[in-house]
Amino acid sequence: MATIDQPTFELIACVLRKALADFVGTDEPKKIQLWEELDNYSVSPSNLPELIGLVDLTPFNEEGFEPISEVTIQDIEFIFYEKNWEFETVGSLIPYLIRLVAYKKSQKEIEKDPRFIQHREKLESYKRNSE
């Protein structure tokens, strides 16, 4: 997704509302408003990964390209780490979901980059040495 437009924004909002409805166990995602606080739905920083795990990213798959791979806890930490989610709204998740989709789509290309490979090797070495 190079550009965010109204239909893309609304699609992200729809999948977010659906995930939040599944998270709280309601069958009325349309009643969830973007300006409502996440706290109203018992979303806290500690269970945010559970909510993000419920977000269906399949609508963002593109024909002729590999499907978006499963979102891992490392993906969530990488994209969502900088924000304290207490007192935030449902809609405040949208830019981060857009980043997550873009990251997951570009991940296959990133993994071919020599600098990325070098950084991953350093990480794996560090993990082995610190165990």
N, C-alpha and C. Protein backbone atom coordinates (compact mmCIF):
# COMPACT_ATOMS: atom_id res chain seq x y z
N MET A 1 0.85 -1.17 0.00
CA MET A 1 0.00 0.00 0.00
C MET A 1 0.89 1.23 0.00
N ALA A 2 1.03 1.83 -1.12
CA ALA A 2 1.86 3.01 -1.21
C ALA A 2 1.12 4.24 -0.71
N THR A 3 -0.17 4.28 -0.90
CA THR A 3 -0.95 5.45 -0.55
C THR A 3 -2.14 5.03 0.29
N ILE A 4 -2.49 5.84 1.24
CA ILE A 4 -3.70 5.58 2.02
C ILE A 4 -4.81 6.42 1.41
N ASP A 5 -5.89 5.77 1.09
CA ASP A 5 -7.04 6.47 0.53
C ASP A 5 -8.27 6.10 1.35
N GLN A 6 -9.38 6.71 1.06
CA GLN A 6 -10.60 6.49 1.83
C GLN A 6 -11.03 5.02 1.84
N PRO A 7 -11.09 4.34 0.68
CA PRO A 7 -11.50 2.93 0.72
C PRO A 7 -10.54 2.06 1.54
N THR A 8 -9.23 2.32 1.42
CA THR A 8 -8.26 1.54 2.19
C THR A 8 -8.43 1.80 3.68
N PHE A 9 -8.62 3.07 4.05
CA PHE A 9 -8.85 3.42 5.45
C PHE A 9 -10.09 2.71 5.97
N GLU A 10 -11.17 2.73 5.20
CA GLU A 10 -12.40 2.08 5.63
C GLU A 10 -12.25 0.57 5.73
N LEU A 11 -11.47 -0.02 4.83
CA LEU A 11 -11.22 -1.46 4.92
C LEU A 11 -10.44 -1.80 6.19
N ILE A 12 -9.42 -1.01 6.49
CA ILE A 12 -8.66 -1.22 7.74
C ILE A 12 -9.61 -1.06 8.93
N ALA A 13 -10.45 -0.05 8.91
CA ALA A 13 -11.40 0.17 10.00
C ALA A 13 -12.36 -1.02 10.14
N CYS A 14 -12.81 -1.56 9.02
CA CYS A 14 -13.72 -2.73 9.06
C CYS A 14 -13.05 -3.95 9.68
N VAL A 15 -11.83 -4.26 9.23
CA VAL A 15 -11.16 -5.44 9.79
C VAL A 15 -10.81 -5.22 11.25
N LEU A 16 -10.51 -3.98 11.63
CA LEU A 16 -10.23 -3.67 13.03
C LEU A 16 -11.50 -3.83 13.87
N ARG A 17 -12.61 -3.28 13.39
CA ARG A 17 -13.87 -3.42 14.13
C ARG A 17 -14.26 -4.89 14.28
N LYS A 18 -14.08 -5.68 13.22
CA LYS A 18 -14.40 -7.10 13.28
C LYS A 18 -13.52 -7.81 14.31
N ALA A 19 -12.23 -7.51 14.31
CA ALA A 19 -11.31 -8.11 15.28
C ALA A 19 -11.68 -7.71 16.70
N LEU A 20 -12.02 -6.45 16.89
CA LEU A 20 -12.40 -5.97 18.23
C LEU A 20 -13.71 -6.61 18.68
N ALA A 21 -14.64 -6.78 17.77
CA ALA A 21 -15.90 -7.46 18.10
C ALA A 21 -15.62 -8.91 18.51
N ASP A 22 -14.75 -9.58 17.77
CA ASP A 22 -14.37 -10.95 18.14
C ASP A 22 -13.65 -10.97 19.48
N PHE A 23 -12.84 -9.97 19.73
CA PHE A 23 -12.06 -9.87 20.97
C PHE A 23 -12.98 -9.77 22.18
N VAL A 24 -14.04 -8.96 22.06
CA VAL A 24 -14.94 -8.77 23.20
C VAL A 24 -16.15 -9.69 23.17
N GLY A 25 -16.32 -10.43 22.07
CA GLY A 25 -17.41 -11.39 21.99
C GLY A 25 -18.76 -10.79 21.64
N THR A 26 -18.77 -9.80 20.78
CA THR A 26 -20.03 -9.23 20.32
C THR A 26 -20.17 -9.51 18.83
N ASP A 27 -21.40 -9.50 18.36
CA ASP A 27 -21.62 -9.74 16.92
C ASP A 27 -22.05 -8.46 16.20
N GLU A 28 -21.72 -7.32 16.78
CA GLU A 28 -22.10 -6.04 16.19
C GLU A 28 -20.89 -5.12 15.99
N PRO A 29 -19.99 -5.47 15.07
CA PRO A 29 -18.82 -4.62 14.87
C PRO A 29 -19.14 -3.21 14.37
N LYS A 30 -20.29 -3.06 13.68
CA LYS A 30 -20.64 -1.74 13.16
C LYS A 30 -20.91 -0.72 14.26
N LYS A 31 -21.22 -1.20 15.46
CA LYS A 31 -21.49 -0.27 16.56
C LYS A 31 -20.22 0.25 17.22
N ILE A 32 -19.08 -0.32 16.87
CA ILE A 32 -17.80 0.13 17.43
C ILE A 32 -17.36 1.38 16.69
N GLN A 33 -17.18 2.46 17.43
CA GLN A 33 -16.79 3.74 16.84
C GLN A 33 -15.30 3.98 17.02
N LEU A 34 -14.68 4.57 16.01
CA LEU A 34 -13.24 4.78 16.05
C LEU A 34 -12.80 5.75 17.14
N TRP A 35 -13.67 6.61 17.61
CA TRP A 35 -13.29 7.58 18.63
C TRP A 35 -13.45 7.03 20.05
N GLU A 36 -13.99 5.83 20.18
CA GLU A 36 -14.13 5.23 21.50
C GLU A 36 -12.76 4.79 22.02
N GLU A 37 -12.59 4.85 23.33
CA GLU A 37 -11.33 4.44 23.92
C GLU A 37 -11.19 2.92 23.91
N LEU A 38 -9.98 2.47 23.69
CA LEU A 38 -9.70 1.03 23.71
C LEU A 38 -10.07 0.43 25.06
N ASP A 39 -9.92 1.23 26.10
CA ASP A 39 -10.24 0.78 27.46
C ASP A 39 -11.71 0.36 27.58
N ASN A 40 -12.59 0.98 26.79
CA ASN A 40 -14.01 0.60 26.81
C ASN A 40 -14.20 -0.85 26.40
N TYR A 41 -13.23 -1.41 25.67
CA TYR A 41 -13.30 -2.78 25.19
C TYR A 41 -12.29 -3.68 25.90
N SER A 42 -11.81 -3.20 27.03
CA SER A 42 -10.84 -3.94 27.86
C SER A 42 -9.56 -4.27 27.12
N VAL A 43 -9.16 -3.40 26.20
CA VAL A 43 -7.89 -3.57 25.51
C VAL A 43 -6.83 -2.81 26.30
N SER A 44 -5.82 -3.52 26.71
CA SER A 44 -4.72 -2.91 27.44
C SER A 44 -3.42 -3.22 26.71
N PRO A 45 -2.34 -2.57 27.08
CA PRO A 45 -1.06 -2.89 26.42
C PRO A 45 -0.70 -4.37 26.53
N SER A 46 -1.10 -5.02 27.60
CA SER A 46 -0.72 -6.42 27.78
C SER A 46 -1.49 -7.37 26.88
N ASN A 47 -2.71 -7.02 26.48
CA ASN A 47 -3.46 -7.93 25.61
C ASN A 47 -3.61 -7.40 24.18
N LEU A 48 -2.89 -6.32 23.86
CA LEU A 48 -2.91 -5.79 22.50
C LEU A 48 -2.48 -6.84 21.47
N PRO A 49 -1.42 -7.63 21.73
CA PRO A 49 -1.06 -8.66 20.74
C PRO A 49 -2.20 -9.64 20.44
N GLU A 50 -2.99 -9.96 21.45
CA GLU A 50 -4.13 -10.85 21.22
C GLU A 50 -5.12 -10.22 20.24
N LEU A 51 -5.40 -8.92 20.43
CA LEU A 51 -6.31 -8.22 19.52
C LEU A 51 -5.73 -8.16 18.11
N ILE A 52 -4.47 -7.80 17.98
CA ILE A 52 -3.85 -7.69 16.66
C ILE A 52 -3.83 -9.05 15.98
N GLY A 53 -3.68 -10.11 16.75
CA GLY A 53 -3.71 -11.45 16.20
C GLY A 53 -5.05 -11.82 15.59
N LEU A 54 -6.12 -11.15 16.00
CA LEU A 54 -7.45 -11.40 15.47
C LEU A 54 -7.75 -10.62 14.19
N VAL A 55 -6.89 -9.66 13.86
CA VAL A 55 -7.11 -8.84 12.67
C VAL A 55 -6.87 -9.69 11.42
N ASP A 56 -7.85 -9.72 10.55
CA ASP A 56 -7.77 -10.49 9.30
C ASP A 56 -7.07 -9.65 8.24
N LEU A 57 -5.88 -10.06 7.86
CA LEU A 57 -5.12 -9.31 6.86
C LEU A 57 -5.32 -9.83 5.44
N THR A 58 -6.13 -10.87 5.28
CA THR A 58 -6.32 -11.44 3.94
C THR A 58 -6.94 -10.46 2.93
N PRO A 59 -7.76 -9.49 3.34
CA PRO A 59 -8.27 -8.55 2.33
C PRO A 59 -7.17 -7.71 1.68
N PHE A 60 -5.97 -7.71 2.26
CA PHE A 60 -4.88 -6.90 1.73
C PHE A 60 -3.95 -7.69 0.83
N ASN A 61 -4.23 -8.99 0.66
CA ASN A 61 -3.46 -9.79 -0.28
C ASN A 61 -3.73 -9.30 -1.69
N GLU A 62 -2.71 -9.36 -2.52
CA GLU A 62 -2.85 -8.91 -3.90
C GLU A 62 -2.63 -10.08 -4.84
N GLU A 63 -3.44 -10.12 -5.89
CA GLU A 63 -3.35 -11.19 -6.87
C GLU A 63 -1.96 -11.18 -7.52
N GLY A 64 -1.39 -12.35 -7.64
CA GLY A 64 -0.07 -12.47 -8.26
C GLY A 64 1.08 -12.32 -7.28
N PHE A 65 0.78 -12.03 -6.03
CA PHE A 65 1.80 -11.89 -5.00
C PHE A 65 1.56 -12.93 -3.92
N GLU A 66 2.61 -13.23 -3.18
CA GLU A 66 2.45 -14.16 -2.06
C GLU A 66 1.49 -13.56 -1.04
N PRO A 67 0.70 -14.41 -0.39
CA PRO A 67 -0.18 -13.89 0.66
C PRO A 67 0.63 -13.34 1.83
N ILE A 68 0.03 -12.45 2.55
CA ILE A 68 0.68 -11.89 3.73
C ILE A 68 0.87 -13.02 4.74
N SER A 69 2.08 -13.12 5.25
CA SER A 69 2.38 -14.19 6.20
C SER A 69 1.76 -13.87 7.57
N GLU A 70 1.71 -14.90 8.40
CA GLU A 70 1.12 -14.76 9.73
C GLU A 70 1.88 -13.71 10.54
N VAL A 71 1.15 -12.93 11.29
CA VAL A 71 1.74 -11.89 12.13
C VAL A 71 2.29 -12.55 13.39
N THR A 72 3.54 -12.23 13.70
CA THR A 72 4.18 -12.79 14.89
C THR A 72 4.25 -11.74 15.99
N ILE A 73 4.59 -12.19 17.18
CA ILE A 73 4.74 -11.25 18.30
C ILE A 73 5.89 -10.28 18.01
N GLN A 74 6.91 -10.75 17.30
CA GLN A 74 8.03 -9.87 16.93
C GLN A 74 7.57 -8.77 15.97
N ASP A 75 6.67 -9.11 15.05
CA ASP A 75 6.11 -8.11 14.14
C ASP A 75 5.35 -7.05 14.93
N ILE A 76 4.55 -7.51 15.88
CA ILE A 76 3.74 -6.59 16.68
C ILE A 76 4.65 -5.68 17.51
N GLU A 77 5.67 -6.25 18.14
CA GLU A 77 6.60 -5.43 18.91
C GLU A 77 7.29 -4.40 18.02
N PHE A 78 7.69 -4.83 16.82
CA PHE A 78 8.41 -3.95 15.91
C PHE A 78 7.55 -2.77 15.46
N ILE A 79 6.29 -3.00 15.18
CA ILE A 79 5.41 -1.96 14.66
C ILE A 79 4.77 -1.14 15.77
N PHE A 80 4.37 -1.76 16.86
CA PHE A 80 3.56 -1.09 17.88
C PHE A 80 4.33 -0.65 19.12
N TYR A 81 5.64 -0.86 19.17
CA TYR A 81 6.41 -0.67 20.40
C TYR A 81 6.41 0.75 20.95
N GLU A 82 6.32 1.73 20.11
CA GLU A 82 6.57 3.10 20.53
C GLU A 82 5.39 3.80 21.20
N LYS A 83 4.28 3.14 21.29
CA LYS A 83 3.07 3.79 21.76
C LYS A 83 2.61 3.17 23.07
N ASN A 84 2.23 3.99 24.02
CA ASN A 84 1.58 3.52 25.22
C ASN A 84 0.09 3.53 24.91
N TRP A 85 -0.52 2.36 24.85
CA TRP A 85 -1.88 2.24 24.35
C TRP A 85 -2.96 2.55 25.37
N GLU A 86 -2.57 2.84 26.60
CA GLU A 86 -3.58 3.24 27.57
C GLU A 86 -4.16 4.59 27.16
N PHE A 87 -5.44 4.73 27.30
CA PHE A 87 -6.17 5.97 27.01
C PHE A 87 -6.18 6.34 25.53
N GLU A 88 -5.91 5.38 24.66
CA GLU A 88 -5.96 5.62 23.22
C GLU A 88 -7.31 5.18 22.68
N THR A 89 -7.61 5.64 21.47
CA THR A 89 -8.88 5.30 20.85
C THR A 89 -8.73 4.11 19.91
N VAL A 90 -9.84 3.55 19.51
CA VAL A 90 -9.85 2.45 18.55
C VAL A 90 -9.16 2.93 17.26
N GLY A 91 -9.50 4.11 16.80
CA GLY A 91 -8.95 4.64 15.56
C GLY A 91 -7.45 4.88 15.61
N SER A 92 -6.88 5.04 16.80
CA SER A 92 -5.43 5.26 16.88
C SER A 92 -4.64 4.03 16.45
N LEU A 93 -5.30 2.88 16.37
CA LEU A 93 -4.63 1.67 15.90
C LEU A 93 -4.47 1.65 14.38
N ILE A 94 -5.29 2.40 13.67
CA ILE A 94 -5.32 2.32 12.20
C ILE A 94 -3.97 2.62 11.55
N PRO A 95 -3.28 3.71 11.90
CA PRO A 95 -1.98 3.95 11.25
C PRO A 95 -0.98 2.82 11.51
N TYR A 96 -1.06 2.22 12.67
CA TYR A 96 -0.15 1.13 13.00
C TYR A 96 -0.50 -0.14 12.23
N LEU A 97 -1.80 -0.37 12.00
CA LEU A 97 -2.20 -1.51 11.18
C LEU A 97 -1.77 -1.30 9.73
N ILE A 98 -1.84 -0.07 9.25
CA ILE A 98 -1.37 0.24 7.90
C ILE A 98 0.12 -0.06 7.80
N ARG A 99 0.87 0.35 8.81
CA ARG A 99 2.31 0.06 8.83
C ARG A 99 2.55 -1.44 8.87
N LEU A 100 1.75 -2.17 9.66
CA LEU A 100 1.90 -3.61 9.76
C LEU A 100 1.67 -4.28 8.41
N VAL A 101 0.62 -3.89 7.72
CA VAL A 101 0.32 -4.46 6.40
C VAL A 101 1.46 -4.16 5.43
N ALA A 102 1.92 -2.92 5.40
CA ALA A 102 3.00 -2.55 4.49
C ALA A 102 4.27 -3.32 4.82
N TYR A 103 4.57 -3.46 6.10
CA TYR A 103 5.75 -4.21 6.53
C TYR A 103 5.65 -5.67 6.11
N LYS A 104 4.50 -6.30 6.37
CA LYS A 104 4.33 -7.71 6.03
C LYS A 104 4.41 -7.91 4.52
N LYS A 105 3.89 -6.97 3.73
CA LYS A 105 3.95 -7.09 2.27
C LYS A 105 5.39 -6.96 1.76
N SER A 106 6.17 -6.11 2.39
CA SER A 106 7.54 -5.88 1.91
C SER A 106 8.55 -6.83 2.54
N GLN A 107 8.13 -7.64 3.47
CA GLN A 107 9.05 -8.49 4.22
C GLN A 107 9.86 -9.43 3.33
N LYS A 108 9.24 -10.00 2.31
CA LYS A 108 9.96 -10.92 1.42
C LYS A 108 11.10 -10.21 0.71
N GLU A 109 10.88 -8.97 0.29
CA GLU A 109 11.94 -8.22 -0.39
C GLU A 109 13.02 -7.80 0.60
N ILE A 110 12.61 -7.40 1.79
CA ILE A 110 13.57 -6.97 2.80
C ILE A 110 14.53 -8.10 3.13
N GLU A 111 14.02 -9.32 3.21
CA GLU A 111 14.84 -10.46 3.60
C GLU A 111 15.92 -10.79 2.58
N LYS A 112 15.85 -10.23 1.38
CA LYS A 112 16.87 -10.44 0.35
C LYS A 112 17.99 -9.39 0.43
N ASP A 113 17.75 -8.31 1.15
CA ASP A 113 18.71 -7.22 1.24
C ASP A 113 19.95 -7.67 2.03
N PRO A 114 21.16 -7.46 1.47
CA PRO A 114 22.38 -7.90 2.16
C PRO A 114 22.56 -7.28 3.55
N ARG A 115 22.17 -6.03 3.71
CA ARG A 115 22.29 -5.41 5.04
C ARG A 115 21.36 -6.07 6.03
N PHE A 116 20.14 -6.40 5.59
CA PHE A 116 19.20 -7.09 6.47
C PHE A 116 19.77 -8.44 6.89
N ILE A 117 20.33 -9.16 5.94
CA ILE A 117 20.92 -10.47 6.23
C ILE A 117 22.04 -10.32 7.25
N GLN A 118 22.88 -9.31 7.07
CA GLN A 118 23.97 -9.05 8.00
C GLN A 118 23.43 -8.73 9.40
N HIS A 119 22.42 -7.90 9.48
CA HIS A 119 21.84 -7.54 10.78
C HIS A 119 21.20 -8.75 11.45
N ARG A 120 20.52 -9.60 10.66
CA ARG A 120 19.91 -10.79 11.22
C ARG A 120 20.98 -11.75 11.75
N GLU A 121 22.08 -11.88 11.03
CA GLU A 121 23.18 -12.73 11.49
C GLU A 121 23.76 -12.21 12.80
N LYS A 122 23.91 -10.90 12.92
CA LYS A 122 24.39 -10.32 14.18
C LYS A 122 23.42 -10.63 15.32
N LEU A 123 22.13 -10.50 15.05
CA LEU A 123 21.12 -10.79 16.06
C LEU A 123 21.19 -12.25 16.50
N GLU A 124 21.24 -13.15 15.53
CA GLU A 124 21.29 -14.58 15.85
C GLU A 124 22.56 -14.92 16.63
N SER A 125 23.68 -14.31 16.27
CA SER A 125 24.93 -14.52 16.98
C SER A 125 24.81 -14.03 18.42
N TYR A 126 24.25 -12.85 18.57
CA TYR A 126 24.08 -12.29 19.91
C TYR A 126 23.19 -13.19 20.77
N LYS A 127 22.09 -13.66 20.20
CA LYS A 127 21.19 -14.54 20.94
C LYS A 127 21.90 -15.83 21.36
N ARG A 128 22.69 -16.41 20.46
CA ARG A 128 23.42 -17.64 20.79
C ARG A 128 24.41 -17.39 21.92
N ASN A 129 25.11 -16.26 21.87
CA ASN A 129 26.13 -15.94 22.86
C ASN A 129 25.57 -15.54 24.20
N SER A 130 24.33 -15.07 24.22
CA SER A 130 23.75 -14.60 25.48
C SER A 130 22.94 -15.67 26.20
N GLU A 131 22.83 -16.85 25.61
CA GLU A 131 22.04 -17.91 26.25
C GLU A 131 22.82 -18.65 27.28
